[in-house]
């Protein structure tokens, strides 16, 4: 009889912990949509300001000298001036990418917070540029920064970009780093201790 009572208490206690854990998961999951929404809103507000206050192709407006300027251009292609097809192809590719991100996001564990944050940045940036393509058929770029030159690519001044592009780039770099670290940690955990190998 005492054993049954103890088991019942353990089940009840575990049930409460599971409910609490599920609540925390559902509570924390909203952080990532909020990150994506922040990127989308920030990106679109910046583009609205540029479209309403600048003319495409006008002389750059210096923000921090020649290091950072605002230069309003419409980009019908992809990042860094790439052109792999017509504008509608980028629209389709963006929708496919967003679908893949959502599907992959749902497979992640609750502790994969860094990877989820990276995906939220990429998702927000992709939606920001998608809105441009739906509105204008092209993307609004305006950030003209003079980062270090890349001689072997013949890049003396970086391509003009926007907030969405920056979020995508940071998100992808962040994702690559966290994915590598996560894989390395799992490999280290899977390796048996040296003592056990000797035995």
Protein backbone atom coordinates (compact mmCIF):
# COMPACT_ATOMS: atom_id res chain seq x y z
CA UNK A 1 0.00 0.00 0.00
CA UNK A 2 2.70 2.57 0.85
CA UNK A 3 4.43 1.70 -2.44
CA UNK A 4 1.26 2.50 -4.41
CA UNK A 5 0.84 5.78 -2.59
CA UNK A 6 4.49 6.67 -3.27
CA UNK A 7 4.13 5.80 -6.97
CA UNK A 8 0.99 7.89 -7.23
CA UNK A 9 2.73 10.84 -5.63
CA UNK A 10 5.70 10.47 -8.02
CA UNK A 11 3.39 10.36 -11.03
CA UNK A 12 1.56 13.45 -9.80
CA UNK A 13 4.86 15.26 -9.17
CA UNK A 14 6.19 14.31 -12.60
CA UNK A 15 2.94 15.45 -14.18
CA UNK A 16 3.27 18.86 -12.56
CA UNK A 17 6.89 19.17 -13.72
CA UNK A 18 5.92 18.18 -17.28
CA UNK A 19 3.13 20.75 -17.33
CA UNK A 20 5.50 23.39 -16.03
CA UNK A 21 8.08 22.44 -18.68
CA UNK A 22 5.49 22.59 -21.45
CA UNK A 23 4.34 25.98 -20.19
CA UNK A 24 7.91 27.31 -20.23
CA UNK A 25 8.40 25.97 -23.75
CA UNK A 26 5.22 27.63 -24.99
CA UNK A 27 6.17 30.83 -23.18
CA UNK A 28 9.73 31.02 -24.52
CA UNK A 29 8.76 30.10 -28.08
CA UNK A 30 7.29 33.57 -28.57
CA UNK A 31 10.74 35.14 -28.28
CA UNK A 32 11.68 34.01 -31.78
CA UNK A 33 8.62 35.38 -33.63
CA UNK A 34 9.19 38.65 -31.77
CA UNK A 35 12.79 38.77 -33.04
CA UNK A 36 11.58 38.17 -36.60
CA UNK A 37 8.82 40.78 -36.27
CA UNK A 38 11.29 43.34 -34.90
CA UNK A 39 13.57 42.80 -37.93
CA UNK A 40 10.64 43.09 -40.36
CA UNK A 41 9.29 46.29 -38.79
CA UNK A 42 12.73 47.91 -38.46
CA UNK A 43 13.58 46.97 -42.04
CA UNK A 44 10.31 48.26 -43.51
CA UNK A 45 10.35 51.51 -41.53
CA UNK A 46 13.88 52.25 -42.71
CA UNK A 47 12.89 51.57 -46.32
CA UNK A 48 9.77 53.74 -46.07
CA UNK A 49 11.95 56.58 -44.81
CA UNK A 50 14.41 56.17 -47.69
CA UNK A 51 11.71 55.91 -50.38
CA UNK A 52 9.91 59.00 -49.05
CA UNK A 53 13.03 61.14 -48.54
CA UNK A 54 15.45 60.12 -51.28
CA UNK A 55 15.40 59.69 -55.05
CA UNK A 56 16.82 56.57 -56.66
CA UNK A 57 20.29 57.21 -57.98
CA UNK A 58 20.78 60.56 -56.23
CA UNK A 59 24.11 61.55 -54.69
CA UNK A 60 24.86 59.50 -51.55
CA UNK A 61 24.03 61.08 -48.19
CA UNK A 62 26.98 60.84 -45.83
CA UNK A 63 26.19 59.46 -42.38
CA UNK A 64 29.72 58.82 -41.09
CA UNK A 65 31.84 60.35 -43.83
CA UNK A 66 32.64 57.96 -46.66
CA UNK A 67 32.60 54.98 -44.31
CA UNK A 68 28.79 54.91 -44.09
CA UNK A 69 26.49 56.53 -46.63
CA UNK A 70 22.85 56.21 -47.68
CA UNK A 71 22.54 55.47 -51.40
CA UNK A 72 19.02 54.66 -52.63
CA UNK A 73 18.93 51.93 -55.28
CA UNK A 74 16.44 49.29 -56.37
CA UNK A 75 17.86 45.77 -56.59
CA UNK A 76 16.07 43.36 -58.94
CA UNK A 77 18.53 40.56 -58.18
CA UNK A 78 19.89 38.93 -55.08
CA UNK A 79 22.47 39.74 -52.44
CA UNK A 80 25.76 41.34 -53.53
CA UNK A 81 24.42 42.07 -56.98
CA UNK A 82 23.88 38.44 -57.96
CA UNK A 83 21.53 37.81 -60.88
CA UNK A 84 20.54 34.16 -61.31
CA UNK A 85 17.20 34.76 -63.01
CA UNK A 86 14.15 37.02 -63.32
CA UNK A 87 12.66 38.77 -60.25
CA UNK A 88 9.85 36.23 -59.90
CA UNK A 89 12.44 33.47 -59.40
CA UNK A 90 13.76 35.24 -56.27
CA UNK A 91 10.19 35.50 -55.04
CA UNK A 92 9.68 31.75 -55.36
CA UNK A 93 13.07 30.94 -53.84
CA UNK A 94 12.29 33.18 -50.85
CA UNK A 95 8.96 31.43 -50.22
CA UNK A 96 10.68 28.03 -50.43
CA UNK A 97 13.41 29.20 -48.03
CA UNK A 98 10.83 30.45 -45.52
CA UNK A 99 9.00 27.12 -45.67
CA UNK A 100 12.24 25.21 -45.05
CA UNK A 101 13.12 27.46 -42.09
CA UNK A 102 9.72 26.90 -40.46
CA UNK A 103 9.90 23.13 -40.99
CA UNK A 104 13.45 22.92 -39.62
CA UNK A 105 12.57 25.16 -36.68
CA UNK A 106 9.84 22.74 -35.56
CA UNK A 107 12.36 19.87 -35.40
CA UNK A 108 14.70 21.66 -32.98
CA UNK A 109 14.95 20.84 -29.30
CA UNK A 110 13.96 23.39 -26.60
CA UNK A 111 17.62 23.90 -25.66
CA UNK A 112 18.60 24.90 -29.23
CA UNK A 113 18.03 28.56 -28.42
CA UNK A 114 21.03 29.92 -30.33
CA UNK A 115 20.12 28.14 -33.56
CA UNK A 116 16.50 29.27 -33.18
CA UNK A 117 17.66 32.86 -32.71
CA UNK A 118 19.75 32.61 -35.88
CA UNK A 119 16.78 31.24 -37.83
CA UNK A 120 14.57 34.04 -36.51
CA UNK A 121 17.05 36.61 -37.85
CA UNK A 122 17.16 34.94 -41.26
CA UNK A 123 13.38 34.54 -41.34
CA UNK A 124 12.76 38.20 -40.45
CA UNK A 125 15.24 39.39 -43.07
CA UNK A 126 13.80 37.15 -45.76
CA UNK A 127 10.25 38.37 -45.06
CA UNK A 128 11.45 41.99 -45.13
CA UNK A 129 12.86 41.59 -48.64
CA UNK A 130 9.86 39.50 -49.69
CA UNK A 131 7.56 42.42 -48.84
CA UNK A 132 9.65 44.63 -51.13
CA UNK A 133 9.39 42.17 -54.01
CA UNK A 134 5.62 41.96 -53.57
CA UNK A 135 5.29 45.79 -53.44
CA UNK A 136 7.84 46.91 -56.01
CA UNK A 137 8.99 43.78 -57.80
CA UNK A 138 12.49 44.58 -56.48
CA UNK A 139 14.28 45.27 -53.21
CA UNK A 140 15.07 48.66 -51.65
CA UNK A 141 18.79 48.92 -50.81
CA UNK A 142 20.36 51.97 -49.21
CA UNK A 143 23.19 51.13 -46.78
CA UNK A 144 26.47 51.96 -48.53
CA UNK A 145 29.38 50.94 -46.27
CA UNK A 146 33.10 50.99 -46.96
CA UNK A 147 34.19 47.77 -45.27
CA UNK A 148 37.70 46.38 -45.88
CA UNK A 149 38.37 45.62 -49.55
CA UNK A 150 38.34 42.06 -50.85
CA UNK A 151 41.09 42.08 -53.46
CA UNK A 152 40.57 38.59 -54.93
CA UNK A 153 36.88 39.40 -55.57
CA UNK A 154 37.78 42.86 -56.87
CA UNK A 155 35.49 44.48 -54.28
CA UNK A 156 36.74 47.95 -53.36
CA UNK A 157 33.46 49.08 -51.82
CA UNK A 158 30.75 46.73 -50.61
CA UNK A 159 27.48 46.31 -52.43
CA UNK A 160 24.60 48.44 -51.15
CA UNK A 161 22.36 46.49 -48.79
CA UNK A 162 19.56 46.95 -46.25
CA UNK A 163 18.53 45.95 -42.71
CA UNK A 164 17.01 42.70 -43.96
CA UNK A 165 20.25 41.72 -45.74
CA UNK A 166 22.23 42.47 -42.57
CA UNK A 167 19.88 40.29 -40.48
CA UNK A 168 20.14 37.42 -42.97
CA UNK A 169 23.94 37.62 -43.06
CA UNK A 170 24.31 37.78 -39.27
CA UNK A 171 21.77 34.97 -38.89
CA UNK A 172 23.54 32.68 -41.37
CA UNK A 173 26.96 33.27 -39.78
CA UNK A 174 25.45 32.75 -36.33
CA UNK A 175 23.70 29.58 -37.53
CA UNK A 176 26.90 28.14 -39.05
CA UNK A 177 28.89 28.78 -35.86
CA UNK A 178 26.26 27.41 -33.47
CA UNK A 179 25.57 24.38 -35.69
CA UNK A 180 29.29 23.58 -35.79
CA UNK A 181 29.65 23.93 -32.00
CA UNK A 182 26.52 21.83 -31.42
CA UNK A 183 27.81 19.08 -33.71
CA UNK A 184 31.22 19.13 -32.02
CA UNK A 185 29.63 18.85 -28.57
CA UNK A 186 27.50 15.89 -29.66
CA UNK A 187 30.56 14.16 -31.12
CA UNK A 188 32.48 14.72 -27.87
CA UNK A 189 29.59 13.30 -25.83
CA UNK A 190 29.35 10.26 -28.10
CA UNK A 191 33.05 9.38 -27.68
CA UNK A 192 33.66 6.97 -24.79
CA UNK A 193 36.14 8.03 -22.08
CA UNK A 194 39.75 6.93 -22.58
CA UNK A 195 39.62 4.78 -19.43
CA UNK A 196 36.73 2.74 -20.79
CA UNK A 197 38.57 2.22 -24.10
CA UNK A 198 41.59 0.79 -22.28
CA UNK A 199 39.38 -1.65 -20.38
